[in-house]
Protein backbone atom coordinates (compact mmCIF):
# COMPACT_ATOMS: atom_id res chain seq x y z
CA MET A 1 -25.74 36.54 29.65
CA LYS A 2 -28.10 36.49 32.67
CA ASN A 3 -30.80 34.68 30.71
CA LEU A 4 -28.41 31.83 29.70
CA SER A 5 -27.31 31.13 33.27
CA THR A 6 -30.81 31.28 34.86
CA ASN A 7 -32.69 29.40 32.11
CA PRO A 8 -31.41 25.87 31.58
CA LYS A 9 -33.87 25.34 28.73
CA ALA A 10 -32.28 28.15 26.79
CA THR A 11 -28.82 26.77 27.41
CA LEU A 12 -29.83 23.32 26.17
CA ALA A 13 -31.49 24.80 23.09
CA LEU A 14 -28.31 26.71 22.19
CA LEU A 15 -26.08 23.64 22.64
CA ALA A 16 -28.43 21.49 20.53
CA MET A 17 -28.39 23.97 17.65
CA LEU A 18 -24.61 24.25 17.72
CA ALA A 19 -24.27 20.45 17.66
CA LEU A 20 -26.25 20.30 14.40
CA LEU A 21 -23.61 22.28 12.50
CA PRO A 22 -21.49 20.06 10.15
CA MET A 23 -17.94 19.57 11.32
CA SER A 24 -16.54 20.61 7.89
CA THR A 25 -18.58 23.82 7.75
CA TYR A 26 -17.39 27.20 8.96
CA ALA A 27 -20.24 28.69 10.98
CA GLN A 28 -20.74 32.26 12.08
CA VAL A 29 -22.94 32.43 15.16
CA ASP A 30 -24.64 35.68 16.11
CA ILE A 31 -26.32 35.74 19.49
CA ASP A 32 -28.75 38.58 20.09
CA LEU A 33 -29.75 39.07 23.71
CA ASP A 34 -32.12 41.94 22.96
CA ALA A 35 -35.18 41.98 25.22
CA SER A 36 -37.40 41.99 22.14
CA ALA A 37 -36.24 38.48 21.16
CA THR A 38 -38.97 36.13 20.04
CA THR A 39 -37.76 33.03 21.91
CA SER A 40 -39.08 32.98 25.44
CA ALA A 41 -39.85 30.73 28.41
CA GLU A 42 -42.79 30.83 30.79
CA THR A 43 -42.09 31.19 34.51
CA SER A 44 -44.50 31.06 37.45
CA THR A 45 -44.77 33.69 40.20
CA ASP A 46 -45.74 33.17 43.81
CA ASP A 47 -49.37 34.25 43.18
CA GLY A 48 -49.81 31.58 40.46
CA ALA A 49 -49.57 33.95 37.49
CA THR A 50 -47.35 33.18 34.55
CA SER A 51 -45.13 35.51 32.61
CA SER A 52 -43.05 35.27 29.48
CA GLU A 53 -39.38 35.98 29.82
CA PRO A 54 -37.19 36.58 26.73
CA LEU A 55 -34.40 34.06 26.27
CA ILE A 56 -32.17 34.37 23.23
CA ASP A 57 -32.41 35.02 19.52
CA ILE A 58 -29.83 33.00 17.58
CA ASP A 59 -28.95 33.87 14.02
CA LEU A 60 -26.84 31.17 12.39
CA GLU A 61 -25.09 32.00 9.14
CA ALA A 62 -23.07 29.11 7.76
CA THR A 63 -20.82 29.15 4.75
CA THR A 64 -19.03 26.18 3.24
CA THR A 65 -15.93 26.58 1.11
CA THR A 66 -14.16 24.00 -1.04
CA GLU A 67 -10.47 24.36 -1.77
CA VAL A 68 -8.69 22.39 -4.50
CA THR A 69 -5.10 21.87 -3.48
CA ALA A 70 -3.79 19.47 -6.13
CA ASP A 71 -4.12 18.72 -9.82
CA GLU A 72 -5.46 15.17 -10.23
CA ASP A 73 -3.35 14.57 -13.34
CA ASN A 74 -0.24 15.84 -11.60
CA ARG A 75 -0.65 14.43 -8.09
CA ASP A 76 2.48 12.29 -8.42
CA GLY A 77 4.67 15.14 -9.63
CA LEU A 78 4.54 13.95 -13.24
CA GLU A 79 5.02 16.21 -16.24
CA ILE A 80 1.89 17.03 -18.26
CA ASN A 81 1.43 17.67 -21.97
CA ALA A 82 -0.38 20.57 -23.66
CA GLU A 83 -3.74 18.89 -23.02
CA GLY A 84 -3.02 18.54 -19.31
CA LEU A 85 -2.44 14.77 -19.47
CA ALA A 86 0.40 13.21 -17.51
CA VAL A 87 1.75 10.94 -20.26
CA ALA A 88 3.15 8.01 -18.31
CA VAL A 89 2.77 4.94 -20.58
CA ALA A 90 3.59 4.29 -24.23
CA GLU A 91 -0.03 3.88 -25.31
CA GLU A 92 -0.68 7.52 -24.35
CA VAL A 93 2.06 8.86 -26.64
CA GLN A 94 0.57 10.53 -29.72
CA SER A 95 3.24 13.02 -30.77
CA ASP A 96 6.90 13.96 -30.38
CA ALA A 97 5.87 16.40 -27.65
CA ASP A 98 4.16 13.53 -25.80
CA LEU A 99 7.31 11.44 -26.23
CA GLU A 100 9.33 14.11 -24.44
CA VAL A 101 6.88 14.15 -21.55
CA PHE A 102 6.80 10.35 -21.46
CA ALA A 103 10.61 10.16 -21.25
CA LYS A 104 10.67 12.51 -18.26
CA ASN A 105 7.82 10.73 -16.51
CA LEU A 106 9.40 7.31 -16.98
CA SER A 107 12.43 8.44 -15.00
CA ILE A 108 10.06 9.67 -12.29
CA ARG A 109 7.94 6.50 -12.14
CA GLU A 110 10.83 4.04 -12.33
CA ASP A 111 13.24 4.41 -9.41
CA ARG A 112 16.18 2.86 -11.29
CA VAL A 113 15.73 4.80 -14.54
CA ASP A 114 18.00 7.84 -14.47
CA GLU A 115 17.48 9.19 -17.98
CA VAL A 116 15.70 8.39 -21.25
CA SER A 117 16.61 9.92 -24.61
CA PHE A 118 16.11 9.42 -28.35
CA GLU A 119 18.03 10.25 -31.49
CA THR A 120 16.86 10.17 -35.10
CA GLU A 121 18.99 10.51 -38.23
CA SER A 122 17.98 11.90 -41.60
CA THR A 123 18.36 8.40 -43.11
CA GLY A 124 15.51 7.14 -40.91
CA ALA A 125 17.79 5.32 -38.49
CA TRP A 126 17.02 5.97 -34.85
CA GLU A 127 17.97 4.89 -31.37
CA ALA A 128 16.51 4.79 -27.87
CA ARG A 129 18.84 5.19 -24.91
CA VAL A 130 18.18 4.34 -21.24
CA ILE A 131 20.56 5.14 -18.37
CA TYR A 132 19.82 2.74 -15.55
CA GLU A 133 21.07 2.57 -11.97
CA HIS A 134 22.53 -0.60 -10.45
CA GLU A 135 23.54 -1.16 -6.86
CA GLY A 136 26.96 -2.66 -6.18
CA LYS A 137 29.88 -2.66 -3.79
CA LEU A 138 33.07 -0.79 -4.52
CA PHE A 139 36.04 -3.06 -3.76
CA GLY A 140 33.45 -5.52 -2.48
CA LEU A 141 32.87 -3.35 0.61
CA ILE A 142 31.42 0.11 -0.04
CA PRO A 143 27.79 0.33 -1.33
CA VAL A 144 27.66 2.41 -4.52
CA THR A 145 25.35 3.12 -7.44
CA ILE A 146 26.77 2.44 -10.88
CA LYS A 147 24.92 3.44 -14.06
CA SER A 148 24.62 1.39 -17.23
CA THR A 149 23.80 2.85 -20.64
CA THR A 150 21.67 0.61 -22.84
CA VAL A 151 21.06 1.62 -26.46
CA VAL A 152 18.75 -0.02 -28.98
CA GLU A 153 19.54 1.19 -32.49
CA ILE A 154 17.42 0.41 -35.56
CA ASP A 155 18.94 1.41 -38.88
CA SER A 156 17.17 2.40 -42.08
CA ASP A 157 17.12 -1.25 -43.25
CA GLY A 158 15.47 -2.47 -40.05
CA GLU A 159 18.61 -4.02 -38.61
CA ILE A 160 18.74 -4.08 -34.80
CA ASP A 161 21.86 -3.32 -32.80
CA VAL A 162 21.91 -3.41 -28.99
CA ASP A 163 24.67 -2.25 -26.69
CA SER A 164 24.71 -2.14 -22.87
CA ASP A 165 27.78 -0.71 -21.15
CA LEU A 166 28.99 0.28 -17.70
CA PRO A 167 31.56 3.01 -16.90
CA TRP A 168 35.24 2.08 -17.16
CA TRP A 169 35.64 1.72 -13.41
CA ASN A 170 33.01 -1.01 -13.17
CA PHE A 171 35.72 -3.67 -12.69
CA MET A 172 36.16 -2.30 -9.16
CA VAL A 173 32.48 -2.91 -8.35
CA THR A 174 31.11 -6.30 -7.35
CA GLU A 175 27.48 -7.52 -7.19
CA LYS A 176 26.44 -4.87 -9.71
CA ASN A 177 23.63 -6.99 -11.23
CA HIS A 178 24.62 -6.30 -14.83
CA ALA A 179 25.58 -8.81 -17.50
CA ALA A 180 25.92 -7.01 -20.85
CA ALA A 181 25.78 -10.09 -23.08
CA GLU A 182 22.57 -11.34 -21.52
CA ILE A 183 20.85 -7.95 -21.66
CA GLU A 184 21.80 -7.43 -25.30
CA SER A 185 20.63 -10.90 -26.28
CA ARG A 186 17.28 -10.53 -24.54
CA LEU A 187 16.60 -7.17 -26.20
CA LYS A 188 17.47 -8.42 -29.68
CA ASP A 189 14.93 -11.21 -29.21
CA ASN A 190 12.33 -8.98 -27.59
CA ALA A 191 9.03 -9.10 -29.53
CA THR A 192 8.40 -5.35 -29.15
CA VAL A 193 11.87 -4.42 -30.39
CA MET A 194 11.61 -6.79 -33.36
CA ALA A 195 8.19 -5.41 -34.29
CA ALA A 196 9.54 -1.85 -34.13
CA ALA A 197 12.17 -2.75 -36.72
CA GLU A 198 9.43 -3.74 -39.17
CA VAL A 199 7.51 -0.45 -39.16
CA GLU A 200 8.22 3.20 -39.76
CA ALA A 201 9.39 4.85 -36.57
CA ASN A 202 7.05 7.27 -34.87
CA ALA A 203 6.70 8.61 -31.32
CA ALA A 204 4.49 5.74 -30.11
CA VAL A 205 6.87 3.07 -31.48
CA LYS A 206 9.87 4.69 -29.81
CA ALA A 207 8.02 4.84 -26.49
CA GLN A 208 7.17 1.13 -26.76
CA VAL A 209 10.84 0.24 -27.37
CA VAL A 210 11.90 2.21 -24.30
CA GLU A 211 9.31 0.41 -22.17
CA ALA A 212 10.73 -2.90 -23.48
CA ILE A 213 14.27 -1.84 -22.54
CA VAL A 214 13.24 -0.90 -19.01
CA ALA A 215 11.22 -4.10 -18.58
CA GLU A 216 14.20 -6.24 -19.63
CA LEU A 217 16.58 -4.32 -17.37
CA ASN A 218 14.21 -4.67 -14.42
CA ALA A 219 13.84 -8.41 -14.97
CA HIS A 220 17.57 -8.93 -15.44
CA THR A 221 18.43 -6.91 -12.33
CA TYR A 222 15.92 -8.84 -10.22
CA ILE A 223 17.30 -12.19 -11.36
CA GLN A 224 20.93 -11.16 -10.88
CA ALA A 225 20.18 -9.78 -7.41
CA ALA A 226 18.64 -13.11 -6.44
CA ILE A 227 21.72 -14.97 -7.72
CA ASN A 228 24.15 -12.66 -5.89
CA ALA A 229 22.17 -13.03 -2.68
CA ARG A 230 22.83 -16.78 -2.55
């Protein structure tokens, strides 16, 4: 280390080379202080002669590594299908397997959606069911979450039946932002639900009906919350 302390030029050269290394790169620095090093500096003696004095030989070996820590399609914790796609919207549903993934992901994406399920009968009748969370106050005082169950059923003749219920103890909860008659009426008149009754049910159609249910519940809850806040 004698050469580094007595030769400021060498010290500056070393610092300059180290500063050029990228911040994101892992660098291995080998410093060889062998007297046979090729880097040298000229010094003057008292009699006017010059001599070459070895400084340092620096061998820099840098390696850069890239680490993938997350799956792009699963960065939000969503379920993925067999092709690795996080099926999150109805237009991505192509099969019954996709519909299963979609149902799980909808409850992840939508904070108020607790559960989504489907049921199909041999006659061709089918239903979509959404369990949805509403905030309310038990006895008008204690904040609670109460869950509604909204079912859209389409029979084999294309007739639509809608039912939206709360648990039996809902009469003890105020400001629960749920009006069954209004929700049922809006869903019966919903364009997506009416169109689904006109076609043969498949996975994509069922996913579209569920999205319509959630959209109506979200809108209804928002409006009721605004009314209750007055």
